[in-house]
């Protein structure tokens, strides 16, 4: 299901995601907008998409607890989009959540 999160420019937004209901062996998370990867993490290894460097994270300790929420800092007007989170390996990715970020 999808939900909306409102944010203000310059603030920090948290895009919700919880994967505890999934039977996944490896907590591998990927957040994307369409085909553009915003952030992905597998253990200590993480990747931040172009334009999101230093602004996005899914903390490793949270991910291990089942929380795959994306923390997006210093929100920009151009961040307004529909974000999708996926869990699992590349070829067997499962859509967990779709979150629309909008501005009040």
PDB file of N, CA and C in Angstrom:
ATOM      1  N   UNK A   1       0.856  -1.187   0.000  1.00  0.00           N
ATOM      2  CA  UNK A   1       0.000   0.000   0.000  1.00  0.00           C
ATOM      3  C   UNK A   1       0.889   1.233   0.000  1.00  0.00           C
ATOM      4  N   UNK A   2       0.313   2.356  -0.373  1.00  0.00           N
ATOM      5  CA  UNK A   2       1.144   3.555  -0.404  1.00  0.00           C
ATOM      6  C   UNK A   2       0.600   4.571   0.590  1.00  0.00           C
ATOM      7  N   UNK A   3       1.462   5.451   1.002  1.00  0.00           N
ATOM      8  CA  UNK A   3       1.015   6.516   1.875  1.00  0.00           C
ATOM      9  C   UNK A   3       1.776   7.779   1.528  1.00  0.00           C
ATOM     10  N   UNK A   4       1.313   8.895   2.087  1.00  0.00           N
ATOM     11  CA  UNK A   4       1.949  10.171   1.793  1.00  0.00           C
ATOM     12  C   UNK A   4       2.633  10.723   3.027  1.00  0.00           C
ATOM     13  N   UNK A   5       3.756  11.366   2.798  1.00  0.00           N
ATOM     14  CA  UNK A   5       4.508  12.000   3.877  1.00  0.00           C
ATOM     15  C   UNK A   5       4.702  13.448   3.459  1.00  0.00           C
ATOM     16  N   UNK A   6       4.350  14.371   4.365  1.00  0.00           N
ATOM     17  CA  UNK A   6       4.553  15.774   4.020  1.00  0.00           C
ATOM     18  C   UNK A   6       5.861  16.243   4.630  1.00  0.00           C
ATOM     19  N   UNK A   7       6.525  17.122   3.910  1.00  0.00           N
ATOM     20  CA  UNK A   7       7.822  17.615   4.370  1.00  0.00           C
ATOM     21  C   UNK A   7       7.924  19.103   4.091  1.00  0.00           C
ATOM     22  N   UNK A   8       8.918  19.712   4.693  1.00  0.00           N
ATOM     23  CA  UNK A   8       9.209  21.109   4.421  1.00  0.00           C
ATOM     24  C   UNK A   8      10.630  21.175   3.901  1.00  0.00           C
ATOM     25  N   UNK A   9      10.859  22.085   2.962  1.00  0.00           N
ATOM     26  CA  UNK A   9      12.191  22.243   2.388  1.00  0.00           C
ATOM     27  C   UNK A   9      13.185  22.538   3.506  1.00  0.00           C
ATOM     28  N   UNK A  10      14.308  21.823   3.486  1.00  0.00           N
ATOM     29  CA  UNK A  10      15.346  22.019   4.490  1.00  0.00           C
ATOM     30  C   UNK A  10      15.210  21.123   5.706  1.00  0.00           C
ATOM     31  N   UNK A  11      14.053  20.477   5.842  1.00  0.00           N
ATOM     32  CA  UNK A  11      13.835  19.613   7.007  1.00  0.00           C
ATOM     33  C   UNK A  11      14.276  18.183   6.712  1.00  0.00           C
ATOM     34  N   UNK A  12      14.064  17.294   7.683  1.00  0.00           N
ATOM     35  CA  UNK A  12      14.365  15.875   7.507  1.00  0.00           C
ATOM     36  C   UNK A  12      13.038  15.136   7.396  1.00  0.00           C
ATOM     37  N   UNK A  13      12.927  14.283   6.398  1.00  0.00           N
ATOM     38  CA  UNK A  13      11.711  13.486   6.211  1.00  0.00           C
ATOM     39  C   UNK A  13      12.055  12.019   6.427  1.00  0.00           C
ATOM     40  N   UNK A  14      11.124  11.277   7.011  1.00  0.00           N
ATOM     41  CA  UNK A  14      11.313   9.834   7.185  1.00  0.00           C
ATOM     42  C   UNK A  14      10.227   9.140   6.375  1.00  0.00           C
ATOM     43  N   UNK A  15      10.671   8.352   5.394  1.00  0.00           N
ATOM     44  CA  UNK A  15       9.729   7.622   4.547  1.00  0.00           C
ATOM     45  C   UNK A  15       9.582   6.219   5.124  1.00  0.00           C
ATOM     46  N   UNK A  16       8.403   5.886   5.636  1.00  0.00           N
ATOM     47  CA  UNK A  16       8.221   4.643   6.388  1.00  0.00           C
ATOM     48  C   UNK A  16       8.375   3.360   5.574  1.00  0.00           C
ATOM     49  N   UNK A  17       8.905   2.352   6.246  1.00  0.00           N
ATOM     50  CA  UNK A  17       9.093   1.036   5.634  1.00  0.00           C
ATOM     51  C   UNK A  17       9.358   0.038   6.755  1.00  0.00           C
ATOM     52  N   UNK A  18       8.676  -1.092   6.714  1.00  0.00           N
ATOM     53  CA  UNK A  18       8.845  -2.132   7.726  1.00  0.00           C
ATOM     54  C   UNK A  18       8.827  -3.481   7.011  1.00  0.00           C
ATOM     55  N   UNK A  19       9.876  -4.258   7.190  1.00  0.00           N
ATOM     56  CA  UNK A  19       9.938  -5.539   6.459  1.00  0.00           C
ATOM     57  C   UNK A  19       9.826  -6.755   7.377  1.00  0.00           C
ATOM     58  N   UNK A  20       9.387  -6.558   8.626  1.00  0.00           N
ATOM     59  CA  UNK A  20       9.322  -7.693   9.558  1.00  0.00           C
ATOM     60  C   UNK A  20       8.371  -8.794   9.117  1.00  0.00           C
ATOM     61  N   UNK A  21       7.383  -8.443   8.279  1.00  0.00           N
ATOM     62  CA  UNK A  21       6.404  -9.444   7.825  1.00  0.00           C
ATOM     63  C   UNK A  21       6.921 -10.274   6.650  1.00  0.00           C
ATOM     64  N   UNK A  22       8.093  -9.931   6.131  1.00  0.00           N
ATOM     65  CA  UNK A  22       8.633 -10.659   4.978  1.00  0.00           C
ATOM     66  C   UNK A  22       9.607 -11.739   5.425  1.00  0.00           C
ATOM     67  N   UNK A  23       9.597 -12.859   4.711  1.00  0.00           N
ATOM     68  CA  UNK A  23      10.554 -13.918   5.057  1.00  0.00           C
ATOM     69  C   UNK A  23      11.760 -13.772   4.136  1.00  0.00           C
ATOM     70  N   UNK A  24      12.620 -12.834   4.487  1.00  0.00           N
ATOM     71  CA  UNK A  24      13.816 -12.565   3.690  1.00  0.00           C
ATOM     72  C   UNK A  24      15.039 -12.900   4.532  1.00  0.00           C
ATOM     73  N   UNK A  25      15.973 -13.603   3.920  1.00  0.00           N
ATOM     74  CA  UNK A  25      17.187 -14.011   4.642  1.00  0.00           C
ATOM     75  C   UNK A  25      18.160 -12.845   4.804  1.00  0.00           C
ATOM     76  N   UNK A  26      18.355 -12.115   3.716  1.00  0.00           N
ATOM     77  CA  UNK A  26      19.344 -11.043   3.722  1.00  0.00           C
ATOM     78  C   UNK A  26      18.657  -9.691   3.716  1.00  0.00           C
ATOM     79  N   UNK A  27      18.867  -8.883   4.755  1.00  0.00           N
ATOM     80  CA  UNK A  27      18.241  -7.564   4.757  1.00  0.00           C
ATOM     81  C   UNK A  27      18.930  -6.617   3.773  1.00  0.00           C
ATOM     82  N   UNK A  28      18.510  -6.710   2.521  1.00  0.00           N
ATOM     83  CA  UNK A  28      19.064  -5.875   1.452  1.00  0.00           C
ATOM     84  C   UNK A  28      17.957  -4.916   1.028  1.00  0.00           C
ATOM     85  N   UNK A  29      18.122  -3.624   1.291  1.00  0.00           N
ATOM     86  CA  UNK A  29      17.070  -2.651   0.993  1.00  0.00           C
ATOM     87  C   UNK A  29      17.466  -1.762  -0.180  1.00  0.00           C
ATOM     88  N   UNK A  30      16.469  -1.389  -0.953  1.00  0.00           N
ATOM     89  CA  UNK A  30      16.692  -0.445  -2.049  1.00  0.00           C
ATOM     90  C   UNK A  30      15.506   0.506  -2.100  1.00  0.00           C
ATOM     91  N   UNK A  31      15.810   1.788  -2.138  1.00  0.00           N
ATOM     92  CA  UNK A  31      14.780   2.814  -2.318  1.00  0.00           C
ATOM     93  C   UNK A  31      15.001   3.433  -3.682  1.00  0.00           C
ATOM     94  N   UNK A  32      13.940   3.585  -4.448  1.00  0.00           N
ATOM     95  CA  UNK A  32      14.101   4.180  -5.772  1.00  0.00           C
ATOM     96  C   UNK A  32      12.889   5.011  -6.166  1.00  0.00           C
ATOM     97  N   UNK A  33      13.103   5.850  -7.188  1.00  0.00           N
ATOM     98  CA  UNK A  33      12.032   6.625  -7.808  1.00  0.00           C
ATOM     99  C   UNK A  33      12.026   6.121  -9.243  1.00  0.00           C
ATOM    100  N   UNK A  34      11.017   5.340  -9.580  1.00  0.00           N
ATOM    101  CA  UNK A  34      11.025   4.716 -10.901  1.00  0.00           C
ATOM    102  C   UNK A  34      12.246   3.808 -11.009  1.00  0.00           C
ATOM    103  N   UNK A  35      13.087   4.061 -12.014  1.00  0.00           N
ATOM    104  CA  UNK A  35      14.295   3.242 -12.184  1.00  0.00           C
ATOM    105  C   UNK A  35      15.521   3.869 -11.531  1.00  0.00           C
ATOM    106  N   UNK A  36      15.353   5.069 -11.004  1.00  0.00           N
ATOM    107  CA  UNK A  36      16.486   5.777 -10.409  1.00  0.00           C
ATOM    108  C   UNK A  36      16.679   5.359  -8.952  1.00  0.00           C
ATOM    109  N   UNK A  37      17.848   4.823  -8.645  1.00  0.00           N
ATOM    110  CA  UNK A  37      18.115   4.393  -7.274  1.00  0.00           C
ATOM    111  C   UNK A  37      18.472   5.598  -6.411  1.00  0.00           C
ATOM    112  N   UNK A  38      17.769   5.718  -5.301  1.00  0.00           N
ATOM    113  CA  UNK A  38      18.008   6.800  -4.351  1.00  0.00           C
ATOM    114  C   UNK A  38      19.008   6.323  -3.300  1.00  0.00           C
ATOM    115  N   UNK A  39      18.783   5.094  -2.804  1.00  0.00           N
ATOM    116  CA  UNK A  39      19.647   4.548  -1.755  1.00  0.00           C
ATOM    117  C   UNK A  39      19.522   3.038  -1.718  1.00  0.00           C
ATOM    118  N   UNK A  40      20.634   2.368  -1.447  1.00  0.00           N
ATOM    119  CA  UNK A  40      20.541   0.934  -1.162  1.00  0.00           C
ATOM    120  C   UNK A  40      21.573   0.554  -0.120  1.00  0.00           C
ATOM    121  N   UNK A  41      21.244  -0.470   0.651  1.00  0.00           N
ATOM    122  CA  UNK A  41      22.148  -0.944   1.695  1.00  0.00           C
ATOM    123  C   UNK A  41      22.098  -2.447   1.791  1.00  0.00           C
ATOM    124  N   UNK A  42      23.286  -3.031   1.913  1.00  0.00           N
ATOM    125  CA  UNK A  42      23.428  -4.455   2.197  1.00  0.00           C
ATOM    126  C   UNK A  42      24.508  -4.522   3.257  1.00  0.00           C
ATOM    127  N   UNK A  43      24.091  -4.752   4.510  1.00  0.00           N
ATOM    128  CA  UNK A  43      25.054  -4.758   5.614  1.00  0.00           C
ATOM    129  C   UNK A  43      25.690  -3.386   5.772  1.00  0.00           C
ATOM    130  N   UNK A  44      27.018  -3.364   5.828  1.00  0.00           N
ATOM    131  CA  UNK A  44      27.719  -2.094   5.999  1.00  0.00           C
ATOM    132  C   UNK A  44      27.877  -1.344   4.678  1.00  0.00           C
ATOM    133  N   UNK A  45      27.672  -2.055   3.568  1.00  0.00           N
ATOM    134  CA  UNK A  45      27.822  -1.442   2.250  1.00  0.00           C
ATOM    135  C   UNK A  45      26.568  -0.647   1.905  1.00  0.00           C
ATOM    136  N   UNK A  46      26.761   0.617   1.528  1.00  0.00           N
ATOM    137  CA  UNK A  46      25.600   1.394   1.117  1.00  0.00           C
ATOM    138  C   UNK A  46      25.942   2.238  -0.099  1.00  0.00           C
ATOM    139  N   UNK A  47      24.902   2.610  -0.827  1.00  0.00           N
ATOM    140  CA  UNK A  47      25.062   3.408  -2.034  1.00  0.00           C
ATOM    141  C   UNK A  47      24.043   4.538  -1.990  1.00  0.00           C
ATOM    142  N   UNK A  48      24.502   5.754  -2.274  1.00  0.00           N
ATOM    143  CA  UNK A  48      23.610   6.909  -2.311  1.00  0.00           C
ATOM    144  C   UNK A  48      23.529   7.395  -3.753  1.00  0.00           C
ATOM    145  N   UNK A  49      22.307   7.562  -4.239  1.00  0.00           N
ATOM    146  CA  UNK A  49      22.110   7.984  -5.625  1.00  0.00           C
ATOM    147  C   UNK A  49      22.569   9.405  -5.897  1.00  0.00           C
ATOM    148  N   UNK A  50      22.719   9.695  -7.166  1.00  0.00           N
ATOM    149  CA  UNK A  50      23.156  11.018  -7.609  1.00  0.00           C
ATOM    150  C   UNK A  50      22.173  12.084  -7.119  1.00  0.00           C
ATOM    151  N   UNK A  51      22.706  13.115  -6.481  1.00  0.00           N
ATOM    152  CA  UNK A  51      21.860  14.184  -5.966  1.00  0.00           C
ATOM    153  C   UNK A  51      21.384  13.922  -4.548  1.00  0.00           C
ATOM    154  N   UNK A  52      21.644  12.706  -4.059  1.00  0.00           N
ATOM    155  CA  UNK A  52      21.224  12.352  -2.695  1.00  0.00           C
ATOM    156  C   UNK A  52      22.421  12.113  -1.777  1.00  0.00           C
ATOM    157  N   UNK A  53      23.620  12.318  -2.301  1.00  0.00           N
ATOM    158  CA  UNK A  53      24.837  12.048  -1.525  1.00  0.00           C
ATOM    159  C   UNK A  53      24.822  12.835  -0.211  1.00  0.00           C
ATOM    160  N   UNK A  54      25.052  12.114   0.890  1.00  0.00           N
ATOM    161  CA  UNK A  54      25.104  12.747   2.203  1.00  0.00           C
ATOM    162  C   UNK A  54      23.749  13.124   2.773  1.00  0.00           C
ATOM    163  N   UNK A  55      22.673  12.784   2.054  1.00  0.00           N
ATOM    164  CA  UNK A  55      21.336  13.169   2.527  1.00  0.00           C
ATOM    165  C   UNK A  55      20.420  11.997   2.845  1.00  0.00           C
ATOM    166  N   UNK A  56      20.808  10.793   2.430  1.00  0.00           N
ATOM    167  CA  UNK A  56      19.913   9.643   2.620  1.00  0.00           C
ATOM    168  C   UNK A  56      20.588   8.504   3.379  1.00  0.00           C
ATOM    169  N   UNK A  57      19.773   7.796   4.182  1.00  0.00           N
ATOM    170  CA  UNK A  57      20.307   6.636   4.898  1.00  0.00           C
ATOM    171  C   UNK A  57      19.173   5.756   5.403  1.00  0.00           C
ATOM    172  N   UNK A  58      19.461   4.476   5.480  1.00  0.00           N
ATOM    173  CA  UNK A  58      18.651   3.521   6.234  1.00  0.00           C
ATOM    174  C   UNK A  58      19.689   2.955   7.195  1.00  0.00           C
ATOM    175  N   UNK A  59      19.701   3.416   8.458  1.00  0.00           N
ATOM    176  CA  UNK A  59      20.742   2.958   9.389  1.00  0.00           C
ATOM    177  C   UNK A  59      20.788   1.437   9.484  1.00  0.00           C
ATOM    178  N   UNK A  60      22.010   0.907   9.457  1.00  0.00           N
ATOM    179  CA  UNK A  60      22.195  -0.545   9.463  1.00  0.00           C
ATOM    180  C   UNK A  60      21.514  -1.216  10.650  1.00  0.00           C
ATOM    181  N   UNK A  61      21.658  -0.621  11.842  1.00  0.00           N
ATOM    182  CA  UNK A  61      21.078  -1.250  13.040  1.00  0.00           C
ATOM    183  C   UNK A  61      19.549  -1.258  12.973  1.00  0.00           C
ATOM    184  N   UNK A  62      18.966  -0.229  12.351  1.00  0.00           N
ATOM    185  CA  UNK A  62      17.506  -0.189  12.196  1.00  0.00           C
ATOM    186  C   UNK A  62      17.054  -1.248  11.194  1.00  0.00           C
ATOM    187  N   UNK A  63      17.805  -1.364  10.112  1.00  0.00           N
ATOM    188  CA  UNK A  63      17.468  -2.335   9.069  1.00  0.00           C
ATOM    189  C   UNK A  63      17.455  -3.753   9.636  1.00  0.00           C
ATOM    190  N   UNK A  64      18.426  -4.055  10.482  1.00  0.00           N
ATOM    191  CA  UNK A  64      18.511  -5.392  11.079  1.00  0.00           C
ATOM    192  C   UNK A  64      17.326  -5.664  11.998  1.00  0.00           C
ATOM    193  N   UNK A  65      16.728  -4.597  12.548  1.00  0.00           N
ATOM    194  CA  UNK A  65      15.579  -4.736  13.448  1.00  0.00           C
ATOM    195  C   UNK A  65      14.258  -4.844  12.690  1.00  0.00           C
ATOM    196  N   UNK A  66      14.329  -4.684  11.358  1.00  0.00           N
ATOM    197  CA  UNK A  66      13.106  -4.769  10.569  1.00  0.00           C
ATOM    198  C   UNK A  66      12.583  -3.430  10.089  1.00  0.00           C
ATOM    199  N   UNK A  67      13.318  -2.361  10.407  1.00  0.00           N
ATOM    200  CA  UNK A  67      12.904  -1.020  10.003  1.00  0.00           C
ATOM    201  C   UNK A  67      13.708  -0.582   8.779  1.00  0.00           C
ATOM    202  N   UNK A  68      13.029  -0.483   7.634  1.00  0.00           N
ATOM    203  CA  UNK A  68      13.733  -0.096   6.405  1.00  0.00           C
ATOM    204  C   UNK A  68      13.398   1.337   5.988  1.00  0.00           C
ATOM    205  N   UNK A  69      12.916   2.144   6.946  1.00  0.00           N
ATOM    206  CA  UNK A  69      12.544   3.530   6.647  1.00  0.00           C
ATOM    207  C   UNK A  69      13.732   4.340   6.140  1.00  0.00           C
ATOM    208  N   UNK A  70      13.458   5.179   5.144  1.00  0.00           N
ATOM    209  CA  UNK A  70      14.500   6.025   4.561  1.00  0.00           C
ATOM    210  C   UNK A  70      14.505   7.372   5.261  1.00  0.00           C
ATOM    211  N   UNK A  71      15.676   7.766   5.761  1.00  0.00           N
ATOM    212  CA  UNK A  71      15.840   9.081   6.378  1.00  0.00           C
ATOM    213  C   UNK A  71      16.404   9.994   5.290  1.00  0.00           C
ATOM    214  N   UNK A  72      15.646  11.021   4.948  1.00  0.00           N
ATOM    215  CA  UNK A  72      16.035  11.963   3.896  1.00  0.00           C
ATOM    216  C   UNK A  72      16.245  13.333   4.531  1.00  0.00           C
ATOM    217  N   UNK A  73      17.503  13.767   4.545  1.00  0.00           N
ATOM    218  CA  UNK A  73      17.844  15.041   5.193  1.00  0.00           C
ATOM    219  C   UNK A  73      17.889  16.184   4.188  1.00  0.00           C
ATOM    220  N   UNK A  74      17.812  17.400   4.725  1.00  0.00           N
ATOM    221  CA  UNK A  74      17.922  18.621   3.894  1.00  0.00           C
ATOM    222  C   UNK A  74      17.047  18.498   2.651  1.00  0.00           C
ATOM    223  N   UNK A  75      15.766  18.240   2.900  1.00  0.00           N
ATOM    224  CA  UNK A  75      14.805  18.044   1.812  1.00  0.00           C
ATOM    225  C   UNK A  75      14.812  19.226   0.840  1.00  0.00           C
ATOM    226  N   UNK A  76      14.812  18.904  -0.451  1.00  0.00           N
ATOM    227  CA  UNK A  76      14.771  19.921  -1.516  1.00  0.00           C
ATOM    228  C   UNK A  76      13.410  19.845  -2.207  1.00  0.00           C
ATOM    229  N   UNK A  77      13.015  20.938  -2.838  1.00  0.00           N
ATOM    230  CA  UNK A  77      11.737  20.962  -3.561  1.00  0.00           C
ATOM    231  C   UNK A  77      11.703  19.874  -4.637  1.00  0.00           C
ATOM    232  N   UNK A  78      12.870  19.568  -5.197  1.00  0.00           N
ATOM    233  CA  UNK A  78      12.941  18.564  -6.268  1.00  0.00           C
ATOM    234  C   UNK A  78      12.815  17.130  -5.747  1.00  0.00           C
ATOM    235  N   UNK A  79      12.769  16.956  -4.429  1.00  0.00           N
ATOM    236  CA  UNK A  79      12.629  15.605  -3.863  1.00  0.00           C
ATOM    237  C   UNK A  79      11.186  15.106  -3.937  1.00  0.00           C
ATOM    238  N   UNK A  80      10.264  15.991  -4.314  1.00  0.00           N
ATOM    239  CA  UNK A  80       8.849  15.609  -4.397  1.00  0.00           C
ATOM    240  C   UNK A  80       8.706  14.491  -5.430  1.00  0.00           C
ATOM    241  N   UNK A  81       8.268  13.320  -4.990  1.00  0.00           N
ATOM    242  CA  UNK A  81       8.182  12.166  -5.890  1.00  0.00           C
ATOM    243  C   UNK A  81       7.506  11.005  -5.183  1.00  0.00           C
ATOM    244  N   UNK A  82       7.318   9.922  -5.934  1.00  0.00           N
ATOM    245  CA  UNK A  82       6.808   8.677  -5.363  1.00  0.00           C
ATOM    246  C   UNK A  82       8.011   7.756  -5.193  1.00  0.00           C
ATOM    247  N   UNK A  83       8.322   7.429  -3.957  1.00  0.00           N
ATOM    248  CA  UNK A  83       9.475   6.585  -3.628  1.00  0.00           C
ATOM    249  C   UNK A  83       8.987   5.166  -3.361  1.00  0.00           C
ATOM    250  N   UNK A  84       9.732   4.187  -3.851  1.00  0.00           N
ATOM    251  CA  UNK A  84       9.377   2.784  -3.610  1.00  0.00           C
ATOM    252  C   UNK A  84      10.516   2.089  -2.891  1.00  0.00           C
ATOM    253  N   UNK A  85      10.173   1.280  -1.895  1.00  0.00           N
ATOM    254  CA  UNK A  85      11.209   0.523  -1.191  1.00  0.00           C
ATOM    255  C   UNK A  85      11.059  -0.948  -1.531  1.00  0.00           C
ATOM    256  N   UNK A  86      12.204  -1.591  -1.732  1.00  0.00           N
ATOM    257  CA  UNK A  86      12.253  -3.014  -2.072  1.00  0.00           C
ATOM    258  C   UNK A  86      13.190  -3.719  -1.110  1.00  0.00           C
ATOM    259  N   UNK A  87      12.877  -4.966  -0.803  1.00  0.00           N
ATOM    260  CA  UNK A  87      13.757  -5.784   0.024  1.00  0.00           C
ATOM    261  C   UNK A  87      14.100  -7.040  -0.753  1.00  0.00           C
ATOM    262  N   UNK A  88      15.300  -7.563  -0.501  1.00  0.00           N
ATOM    263  CA  UNK A  88      15.704  -8.818  -1.116  1.00  0.00           C
ATOM    264  C   UNK A  88      16.759  -8.637  -2.182  1.00  0.00           C
ATOM    265  N   UNK A  89      17.187  -9.753  -2.742  1.00  0.00           N
ATOM    266  CA  UNK A  89      18.232  -9.736  -3.763  1.00  0.00           C
ATOM    267  C   UNK A  89      17.717  -9.119  -5.059  1.00  0.00           C
ATOM    268  N   UNK A  90      18.651  -8.676  -5.891  1.00  0.00           N
ATOM    269  CA  UNK A  90      18.313  -8.002  -7.148  1.00  0.00           C
ATOM    270  C   UNK A  90      17.224  -8.706  -7.955  1.00  0.00           C
ATOM    271  N   UNK A  91      17.384 -10.024  -8.161  1.00  0.00           N
ATOM    272  CA  UNK A  91      16.452 -10.740  -9.041  1.00  0.00           C
ATOM    273  C   UNK A  91      15.166 -11.184  -8.353  1.00  0.00           C
ATOM    274  N   UNK A  92      15.096 -11.036  -7.036  1.00  0.00           N
ATOM    275  CA  UNK A  92      13.884 -11.457  -6.322  1.00  0.00           C
ATOM    276  C   UNK A  92      13.395 -10.338  -5.413  1.00  0.00           C
ATOM    277  N   UNK A  93      13.521  -9.107  -5.889  1.00  0.00           N
ATOM    278  CA  UNK A  93      13.128  -7.964  -5.069  1.00  0.00           C
ATOM    279  C   UNK A  93      11.628  -7.959  -4.803  1.00  0.00           C
ATOM    280  N   UNK A  94      11.262  -7.624  -3.586  1.00  0.00           N
ATOM    281  CA  UNK A  94       9.863  -7.523  -3.194  1.00  0.00           C
ATOM    282  C   UNK A  94       9.560  -6.071  -2.864  1.00  0.00           C
ATOM    283  N   UNK A  95       8.509  -5.538  -3.475  1.00  0.00           N
ATOM    284  CA  UNK A  95       8.097  -4.170  -3.151  1.00  0.00           C
ATOM    285  C   UNK A  95       7.510  -4.170  -1.752  1.00  0.00           C
ATOM    286  N   UNK A  96       8.050  -3.333  -0.889  1.00  0.00           N
ATOM    287  CA  UNK A  96       7.557  -3.279   0.485  1.00  0.00           C
ATOM    288  C   UNK A  96       6.573  -2.131   0.632  1.00  0.00           C
ATOM    289  N   UNK A  97       6.935  -0.992   0.090  1.00  0.00           N
ATOM    290  CA  UNK A  97       6.169   0.208   0.369  1.00  0.00           C
ATOM    291  C   UNK A  97       6.331   1.237  -0.742  1.00  0.00           C
ATOM    292  N   UNK A  98       5.306   2.006  -0.978  1.00  0.00           N
ATOM    293  CA  UNK A  98       5.409   3.151  -1.891  1.00  0.00           C
ATOM    294  C   UNK A  98       5.007   4.374  -1.077  1.00  0.00           C
ATOM    295  N   UNK A  99       5.834   5.378  -1.093  1.00  0.00           N
ATOM    296  CA  UNK A  99       5.593   6.575  -0.283  1.00  0.00           C
ATOM    297  C   UNK A  99       5.697   7.814  -1.157  1.00  0.00           C
ATOM    298  N   UNK A 100       4.673   8.635  -1.079  1.00  0.00           N
ATOM    299  CA  UNK A 100       4.658   9.873  -1.856  1.00  0.00           C
ATOM    300  C   UNK A 100       5.113  11.008  -0.939  1.00  0.00           C
ATOM    301  N   UNK A 101       6.129  11.733  -1.379  1.00  0.00           N
ATOM    302  CA  UNK A 101       6.622  12.871  -0.597  1.00  0.00           C
ATOM    303  C   UNK A 101       6.032  14.138  -1.200  1.00  0.00           C
ATOM    304  N   UNK A 102       5.370  14.929  -0.360  1.00  0.00           N
ATOM    305  CA  UNK A 102       4.792  16.173  -0.869  1.00  0.00           C
ATOM    306  C   UNK A 102       5.078  17.307   0.104  1.00  0.00           C
ATOM    307  N   UNK A 103       4.754  18.517  -0.310  1.00  0.00           N
ATOM    308  CA  UNK A 103       5.038  19.697   0.510  1.00  0.00           C
ATOM    309  C   UNK A 103       3.753  20.378   0.929  1.00  0.00           C
ATOM    310  N   UNK A 104       3.730  20.777   2.172  1.00  0.00           N
ATOM    311  CA  UNK A 104       2.553  21.451   2.712  1.00  0.00           C
ATOM    312  C   UNK A 104       2.429  22.842   2.100  1.00  0.00           C
TER     313      UNK A 104
END
